[in-house]
N, C-alpha and C. Protein backbone atom coordinates (compact mmCIF):
# COMPACT_ATOMS: atom_id res chain seq x y z
N MET A 1 0.77 -1.27 -0.13
CA MET A 1 -0.13 0.07 -0.01
C MET A 1 0.93 1.25 -0.03
N LYS A 2 2.04 1.22 0.67
CA LYS A 2 2.96 2.21 0.77
C LYS A 2 3.40 2.87 -0.45
N LEU A 3 3.57 1.75 -1.51
CA LEU A 3 4.04 2.19 -2.70
C LEU A 3 3.23 3.06 -3.77
N PHE A 4 1.78 2.68 -3.52
CA PHE A 4 0.82 3.68 -4.35
C PHE A 4 0.67 4.84 -3.71
N GLU A 5 0.96 4.87 -2.22
CA GLU A 5 0.70 6.34 -1.53
C GLU A 5 1.99 7.20 -2.01
N GLU A 6 3.03 6.46 -2.46
CA GLU A 6 4.30 7.27 -2.50
C GLU A 6 3.97 7.79 -4.10
N LEU A 7 3.61 6.93 -4.75
CA LEU A 7 3.15 7.34 -6.48
C LEU A 7 2.44 8.55 -6.27
N ILE A 8 1.01 8.54 -5.61
CA ILE A 8 0.16 9.48 -5.60
C ILE A 8 0.78 10.64 -5.14
N LYS A 9 1.78 10.87 -4.22
CA LYS A 9 2.34 12.06 -3.50
C LYS A 9 3.27 12.35 -4.88
N GLU A 10 3.72 11.65 -5.48
CA GLU A 10 4.78 11.95 -6.47
C GLU A 10 3.93 12.83 -7.68
N ASP A 11 2.87 12.17 -8.07
CA ASP A 11 2.03 12.72 -9.08
C ASP A 11 1.63 14.06 -8.54
N ASP A 12 0.87 14.21 -7.35
CA ASP A 12 0.60 15.50 -6.78
C ASP A 12 1.66 16.43 -7.10
N LEU A 13 2.92 16.14 -6.55
CA LEU A 13 4.08 17.24 -6.42
C LEU A 13 4.35 17.47 -7.99
N GLN A 14 4.16 16.77 -9.13
CA GLN A 14 4.40 17.01 -10.39
C GLN A 14 3.15 17.91 -11.06
N ILE A 15 2.01 17.54 -10.44
CA ILE A 15 1.26 18.44 -11.23
C ILE A 15 1.21 19.96 -10.74
N ASN A 16 1.53 20.10 -9.34
CA ASN A 16 1.78 21.21 -8.66
C ASN A 16 2.72 22.15 -9.31
N GLN A 17 3.78 21.42 -9.84
CA GLN A 17 5.00 21.96 -10.58
C GLN A 17 4.47 22.66 -11.79
N ILE A 18 3.74 21.50 -12.27
CA ILE A 18 3.06 22.19 -13.90
C ILE A 18 2.19 23.32 -13.80
N ASN A 19 1.31 23.16 -12.64
CA ASN A 19 0.43 24.40 -12.37
C ASN A 19 1.10 25.74 -12.28
N ASN A 20 2.24 25.75 -11.69
CA ASN A 20 2.92 27.05 -11.26
C ASN A 20 3.56 27.64 -12.13
N ILE A 21 3.93 26.92 -13.50
CA ILE A 21 4.71 27.42 -14.57
C ILE A 21 3.61 28.56 -15.10
N ASP A 22 4.39 29.63 -15.64
CA ASP A 22 3.59 30.78 -15.87
C ASP A 22 3.84 30.78 -17.45
N ILE A 23 2.75 30.24 -18.06
CA ILE A 23 2.65 30.30 -19.53
C ILE A 23 2.05 31.49 -20.09
N PRO A 24 2.41 32.51 -20.85
CA PRO A 24 1.60 33.55 -21.25
C PRO A 24 0.58 32.91 -22.49
N PRO A 25 -0.66 33.50 -22.26
CA PRO A 25 -1.73 33.10 -23.04
C PRO A 25 -1.36 33.36 -24.74
N PRO A 26 -2.07 32.89 -25.67
CA PRO A 26 -1.60 33.15 -26.80
C PRO A 26 -2.07 34.49 -27.57
N LYS A 27 -1.33 35.47 -28.14
CA LYS A 27 -1.86 36.34 -28.87
C LYS A 27 -2.92 36.16 -29.99
N MET A 28 -3.94 36.79 -29.64
CA MET A 28 -5.21 36.61 -30.82
C MET A 28 -5.68 37.53 -31.31
N SER A 29 -6.02 37.80 -32.27
CA SER A 29 -6.64 39.04 -32.96
C SER A 29 -7.53 38.34 -34.07
N SER A 30 -8.63 39.16 -34.35
CA SER A 30 -9.54 38.80 -35.50
C SER A 30 -10.03 40.11 -36.36
N GLU A 31 -10.34 39.86 -37.40
CA GLU A 31 -10.55 41.01 -38.19
C GLU A 31 -11.70 40.50 -39.38
N LYS A 32 -12.74 41.25 -39.50
CA LYS A 32 -13.69 40.80 -40.34
C LYS A 32 -13.50 41.45 -41.78
N PHE A 33 -13.80 40.68 -42.95
CA PHE A 33 -13.80 41.44 -44.16
C PHE A 33 -14.84 40.79 -44.95
N GLU A 34 -14.86 41.62 -46.12
CA GLU A 34 -15.95 41.59 -47.04
C GLU A 34 -15.44 41.03 -48.32
N THR A 35 -16.07 40.08 -49.08
CA THR A 35 -15.64 39.62 -50.60
C THR A 35 -16.74 40.03 -51.41
N LYS A 36 -16.53 39.80 -52.46
CA LYS A 36 -17.33 40.15 -53.74
C LYS A 36 -18.43 39.00 -53.81
N GLU A 37 -19.60 39.71 -54.54
CA GLU A 37 -20.47 38.71 -54.95
C GLU A 37 -20.26 37.98 -56.08
N THR A 38 -20.50 36.55 -56.00
CA THR A 38 -20.41 35.90 -57.06
C THR A 38 -21.40 35.33 -57.44
N SER A 39 -21.79 34.85 -58.54
CA SER A 39 -22.82 33.95 -59.36
C SER A 39 -22.40 32.65 -60.17
N ASP A 40 -20.95 32.62 -59.74
CA ASP A 40 -19.94 31.72 -60.42
C ASP A 40 -20.36 30.18 -59.61
N GLN A 41 -20.06 28.87 -60.23
CA GLN A 41 -20.50 27.75 -60.04
C GLN A 41 -19.54 27.64 -58.93
N PRO A 42 -19.50 27.19 -57.74
CA PRO A 42 -18.46 26.82 -56.60
C PRO A 42 -17.38 25.61 -57.59
N SER A 43 -16.23 25.96 -57.24
CA SER A 43 -14.91 25.05 -57.33
C SER A 43 -15.39 23.93 -56.52
N SER A 44 -14.48 22.65 -56.95
CA SER A 44 -14.67 21.52 -56.36
C SER A 44 -14.30 21.79 -54.60
N LEU A 45 -13.08 22.57 -54.44
CA LEU A 45 -12.73 23.02 -53.19
C LEU A 45 -13.76 23.87 -52.70
N ALA A 46 -14.39 24.67 -52.97
CA ALA A 46 -15.52 25.33 -52.55
C ALA A 46 -16.79 24.37 -52.03
N GLN A 47 -17.01 23.60 -52.96
CA GLN A 47 -18.20 22.55 -52.81
C GLN A 47 -17.87 21.73 -51.55
N TYR A 48 -16.57 21.40 -51.58
CA TYR A 48 -16.33 20.58 -50.21
C TYR A 48 -16.39 21.34 -49.05
N ILE A 49 -15.98 22.57 -48.81
CA ILE A 49 -16.09 23.46 -47.75
C ILE A 49 -17.46 23.58 -47.54
N MET A 50 -18.46 24.15 -48.33
CA MET A 50 -19.58 24.46 -48.42
C MET A 50 -20.40 23.25 -47.92
N ALA A 51 -20.19 22.23 -48.51
CA ALA A 51 -21.25 21.01 -47.99
C ALA A 51 -21.79 20.64 -46.97
N PRO A 52 -20.85 20.67 -45.86
CA PRO A 52 -21.44 20.50 -44.15
C PRO A 52 -22.49 21.71 -43.70
N PHE A 53 -22.02 22.78 -44.62
CA PHE A 53 -23.13 23.93 -44.26
C PHE A 53 -24.54 23.69 -44.62
N ILE A 54 -24.40 23.29 -45.87
CA ILE A 54 -25.71 23.04 -46.58
C ILE A 54 -26.67 21.77 -46.43
N LEU A 55 -25.69 20.69 -46.18
CA LEU A 55 -26.14 19.28 -46.08
C LEU A 55 -26.26 19.00 -44.69
N VAL A 56 -25.74 19.39 -43.86
CA VAL A 56 -25.75 18.88 -42.06
C VAL A 56 -26.27 20.18 -41.38
N ASP A 57 -25.47 21.09 -41.08
CA ASP A 57 -25.98 22.15 -40.30
C ASP A 57 -25.37 23.47 -40.78
N SER A 58 -26.43 24.37 -40.92
CA SER A 58 -26.07 25.70 -41.39
C SER A 58 -25.55 26.82 -40.20
N ASN A 59 -25.40 26.14 -39.13
CA ASN A 59 -25.04 26.87 -38.11
C ASN A 59 -23.55 27.00 -37.51
N GLY A 60 -22.89 26.02 -38.65
CA GLY A 60 -21.33 25.79 -38.23
C GLY A 60 -20.28 26.87 -38.27
N MET A 61 -19.15 26.64 -38.43
CA MET A 61 -18.08 27.55 -38.75
C MET A 61 -16.94 26.55 -39.12
N ASN A 62 -16.23 27.19 -40.02
CA ASN A 62 -14.74 26.40 -40.22
C ASN A 62 -13.82 27.37 -40.46
N ASP A 63 -12.69 27.15 -39.70
CA ASP A 63 -11.30 27.91 -39.70
C ASP A 63 -10.60 26.85 -40.53
N ILE A 64 -10.00 27.57 -41.63
CA ILE A 64 -9.39 27.36 -42.66
C ILE A 64 -7.81 27.77 -42.68
N PRO A 65 -6.92 26.99 -42.23
CA PRO A 65 -5.48 27.22 -42.01
C PRO A 65 -4.86 28.00 -43.22
N VAL A 66 -3.91 28.80 -43.05
CA VAL A 66 -3.51 29.65 -44.29
C VAL A 66 -2.11 29.74 -43.84
N PHE A 67 -1.30 29.16 -44.65
CA PHE A 67 0.04 28.70 -44.25
C PHE A 67 1.13 29.70 -45.27
N ASP A 68 0.50 30.26 -46.24
CA ASP A 68 1.07 31.08 -47.41
C ASP A 68 0.19 31.74 -48.09
N TYR A 69 0.84 32.82 -48.89
CA TYR A 69 0.14 33.62 -49.75
C TYR A 69 -0.85 32.80 -50.99
N VAL A 70 -0.19 31.80 -51.05
CA VAL A 70 -0.82 31.05 -52.37
C VAL A 70 -2.23 30.43 -51.80
N ILE A 71 -2.16 29.98 -50.37
CA ILE A 71 -3.24 29.32 -50.01
C ILE A 71 -4.22 30.44 -49.51
N LYS A 72 -3.72 31.71 -49.24
CA LYS A 72 -4.76 32.71 -48.81
C LYS A 72 -5.51 33.28 -50.02
N LYS A 73 -4.75 33.25 -51.31
CA LYS A 73 -5.13 33.85 -52.35
C LYS A 73 -6.36 32.71 -52.97
N LEU A 74 -5.87 31.45 -52.64
CA LEU A 74 -6.76 30.44 -53.18
C LEU A 74 -8.20 30.66 -52.33
N VAL A 75 -8.20 30.85 -51.15
CA VAL A 75 -9.32 30.79 -49.98
C VAL A 75 -10.06 31.98 -50.29
N LEU A 76 -9.59 33.08 -50.65
CA LEU A 76 -10.06 34.30 -50.94
C LEU A 76 -10.96 34.36 -52.27
N GLU A 77 -10.40 33.58 -53.41
CA GLU A 77 -10.95 33.68 -54.63
C GLU A 77 -12.10 32.57 -54.73
N GLU A 78 -11.71 31.59 -54.05
CA GLU A 78 -12.41 30.48 -54.56
C GLU A 78 -13.51 30.08 -53.53
N ILE A 79 -13.46 30.23 -52.19
CA ILE A 79 -14.12 29.86 -51.04
C ILE A 79 -15.14 30.76 -50.54
N ALA A 80 -14.00 31.97 -50.07
CA ALA A 80 -14.76 33.21 -49.59
C ALA A 80 -16.11 33.83 -49.84
N PRO A 81 -16.27 34.15 -51.34
CA PRO A 81 -17.27 34.48 -52.02
C PRO A 81 -18.40 33.84 -51.80
N HIS A 82 -18.69 32.55 -51.42
CA HIS A 82 -19.93 31.99 -51.28
C HIS A 82 -20.30 32.13 -49.73
N PHE A 83 -19.69 32.88 -49.11
CA PHE A 83 -20.04 32.98 -47.26
C PHE A 83 -20.32 34.29 -47.10
N SER A 84 -21.10 34.49 -46.17
CA SER A 84 -21.55 36.04 -45.88
C SER A 84 -20.51 36.43 -44.65
N GLU A 85 -20.24 35.56 -43.71
CA GLU A 85 -19.29 36.01 -42.83
C GLU A 85 -18.13 35.53 -42.73
N LEU A 86 -17.03 36.29 -42.67
CA LEU A 86 -15.61 35.97 -42.88
C LEU A 86 -14.78 36.94 -41.85
N LYS A 87 -13.94 36.15 -41.44
CA LYS A 87 -12.85 36.88 -40.22
C LYS A 87 -11.65 36.23 -40.77
N LYS A 88 -10.48 37.02 -40.50
CA LYS A 88 -9.30 36.59 -40.31
C LYS A 88 -8.76 36.33 -39.02
N ILE A 89 -8.49 35.22 -38.75
CA ILE A 89 -8.16 34.99 -37.02
C ILE A 89 -6.46 34.49 -37.10
N ALA A 90 -5.71 35.63 -36.36
CA ALA A 90 -4.55 35.28 -35.89
C ALA A 90 -4.31 34.98 -34.37
N ILE A 91 -3.64 33.68 -34.58
CA ILE A 91 -3.22 33.22 -33.16
C ILE A 91 -1.79 33.06 -33.04
N ASP A 92 -1.08 33.84 -32.43
CA ASP A 92 0.40 33.92 -32.25
C ASP A 92 0.89 34.12 -33.63
N HIS A 93 1.66 33.17 -34.39
CA HIS A 93 2.12 33.26 -35.85
C HIS A 93 1.30 32.55 -36.54
N LYS A 94 0.20 32.26 -36.52
CA LYS A 94 -0.64 31.09 -37.15
C LYS A 94 -1.90 31.94 -37.80
N MET A 95 -2.51 32.06 -38.86
CA MET A 95 -3.36 32.39 -39.61
C MET A 95 -4.41 31.66 -39.64
N PHE A 96 -5.59 31.86 -39.75
CA PHE A 96 -6.95 31.06 -40.18
C PHE A 96 -8.05 32.19 -40.72
N ILE A 97 -8.57 31.66 -41.92
CA ILE A 97 -9.93 32.40 -42.34
C ILE A 97 -11.11 31.66 -42.00
N ARG A 98 -11.83 32.34 -41.11
CA ARG A 98 -12.99 31.68 -40.50
C ARG A 98 -14.22 31.89 -41.30
N VAL A 99 -14.89 30.61 -41.92
CA VAL A 99 -15.90 30.95 -42.85
C VAL A 99 -17.47 30.57 -42.20
N GLN A 100 -18.38 31.30 -42.27
CA GLN A 100 -19.52 30.94 -41.34
C GLN A 100 -20.88 31.41 -42.69
N ASN A 101 -22.14 30.99 -42.59
CA ASN A 101 -22.97 31.37 -43.18
C ASN A 101 -22.95 31.43 -44.72
N VAL A 102 -23.26 30.21 -45.32
CA VAL A 102 -23.29 30.22 -46.65
C VAL A 102 -24.31 31.05 -47.43
N LYS A 103 -23.86 32.00 -48.43
CA LYS A 103 -25.00 32.92 -48.98
C LYS A 103 -26.09 32.12 -49.64
N GLU A 104 -27.23 32.87 -49.82
CA GLU A 104 -28.38 32.13 -50.38
C GLU A 104 -28.25 31.96 -51.81
N SER A 105 -27.52 32.51 -52.66
CA SER A 105 -27.55 32.52 -53.99
C SER A 105 -26.43 31.28 -54.14
N SER A 106 -25.34 31.05 -53.25
CA SER A 106 -24.45 30.14 -53.43
C SER A 106 -25.24 28.81 -52.83
N LYS A 107 -26.00 28.73 -52.00
CA LYS A 107 -26.66 27.45 -51.65
C LYS A 107 -27.50 27.04 -52.63
N ASN A 108 -28.17 28.05 -53.18
CA ASN A 108 -29.04 27.46 -54.40
C ASN A 108 -28.28 26.94 -55.55
N ILE A 109 -27.19 27.41 -55.86
CA ILE A 109 -26.26 26.80 -57.19
C ILE A 109 -25.72 25.56 -56.66
N PHE A 110 -25.23 25.26 -55.37
CA PHE A 110 -24.93 23.89 -54.92
C PHE A 110 -26.33 23.12 -55.10
N LEU A 111 -27.16 23.39 -54.36
CA LEU A 111 -28.50 22.54 -54.43
C LEU A 111 -28.68 22.21 -55.95
N ASN A 112 -28.74 23.19 -56.99
CA ASN A 112 -28.85 22.78 -58.39
C ASN A 112 -27.76 21.73 -59.16
N LEU A 113 -26.35 21.96 -58.34
CA LEU A 113 -25.41 21.04 -59.00
C LEU A 113 -25.95 19.57 -58.63
N ILE A 114 -26.28 19.39 -57.33
CA ILE A 114 -26.91 18.08 -56.88
C ILE A 114 -28.08 17.70 -57.70
N LYS A 115 -29.02 18.70 -58.01
CA LYS A 115 -30.20 18.11 -58.57
C LYS A 115 -29.92 17.62 -60.17
N ASN A 116 -28.84 18.40 -60.68
CA ASN A 116 -28.39 18.14 -62.15
C ASN A 116 -27.32 17.02 -62.22
N CYS A 117 -27.03 16.49 -60.99
CA CYS A 117 -25.92 15.31 -60.98
C CYS A 117 -24.61 16.04 -61.51
N ARG A 118 -24.23 17.19 -61.14
CA ARG A 118 -23.03 17.83 -61.32
C ARG A 118 -22.24 18.05 -60.24
N ILE A 119 -22.50 17.89 -59.15
CA ILE A 119 -21.65 17.87 -57.72
C ILE A 119 -20.32 17.18 -57.92
N ASN A 120 -19.47 17.53 -57.14
CA ASN A 120 -17.99 16.98 -57.37
C ASN A 120 -18.20 15.73 -56.69
N GLN A 121 -17.51 14.62 -57.33
CA GLN A 121 -17.89 13.21 -57.21
C GLN A 121 -17.28 13.00 -55.49
N ILE A 122 -16.33 13.53 -54.97
CA ILE A 122 -15.73 13.40 -53.76
C ILE A 122 -16.92 13.90 -52.95
N VAL A 123 -17.34 14.92 -52.87
CA VAL A 123 -18.66 15.54 -52.22
C VAL A 123 -19.71 14.72 -52.18
N ASN A 124 -20.14 14.06 -53.42
CA ASN A 124 -21.08 13.12 -53.47
C ASN A 124 -21.05 12.02 -52.62
N ASP A 125 -19.90 11.45 -52.92
CA ASP A 125 -19.56 10.09 -52.15
C ASP A 125 -19.71 10.32 -50.61
N ILE A 126 -19.02 11.37 -50.08
CA ILE A 126 -19.07 11.76 -48.58
C ILE A 126 -20.54 11.93 -48.10
N TYR A 127 -21.36 12.62 -49.11
CA TYR A 127 -22.54 12.91 -48.32
C TYR A 127 -23.68 12.05 -48.90
N SER A 128 -24.01 11.53 -49.93
CA SER A 128 -24.92 10.60 -50.27
C SER A 128 -25.25 9.38 -49.54
N GLY A 129 -24.07 9.26 -49.00
CA GLY A 129 -24.29 7.89 -48.17
C GLY A 129 -24.83 6.54 -48.89
N GLY A 130 -24.28 6.75 -49.88
CA GLY A 130 -24.19 5.40 -50.97
C GLY A 130 -25.77 5.58 -51.96
N ASN A 131 -26.39 6.38 -51.61
CA ASN A 131 -27.78 6.59 -52.22
C ASN A 131 -27.53 7.54 -53.43
N SER A 132 -27.71 7.01 -54.72
CA SER A 132 -27.54 7.61 -55.94
C SER A 132 -28.46 8.71 -56.32
N SER A 133 -29.67 8.51 -55.56
CA SER A 133 -30.70 9.44 -55.79
C SER A 133 -31.07 10.56 -54.62
N TRP A 134 -30.02 10.89 -54.00
CA TRP A 134 -30.02 11.50 -52.77
C TRP A 134 -30.46 13.14 -53.18
N LEU A 135 -31.49 13.53 -52.25
CA LEU A 135 -31.78 14.96 -52.53
C LEU A 135 -32.62 15.10 -54.02
N LYS A 136 -33.21 14.40 -54.30
CA LYS A 136 -33.79 14.77 -55.55
C LYS A 136 -35.17 15.06 -55.51
């Protein structure tokens, strides 16, 4: 029994030492921004990002990590125009673009792609559940 008591005391000591370390909270900033309206058909990437908002739950949000200028440009040109709420989130030295609320016009285009069997095949495979006549 003494062995277990000694182990518990050692664990308590280690936890107390960890709790006493001063770790500064991460520096965070956020900034809203607007994008242009689009009537374009969403790219395959945009369809993939939009699908859960349209087919699962419209109240979600997605933080897309942005590692460099190429990814930022891709997100802003292909994905962002289909969302009504956009924020640039910076945490320490990491940047994300948060997308929320698919625009109604983009939602309609997306649903028409499904109706006309022109949705991206990967999106179809993920959300159709093996049913070839989903959402008809």
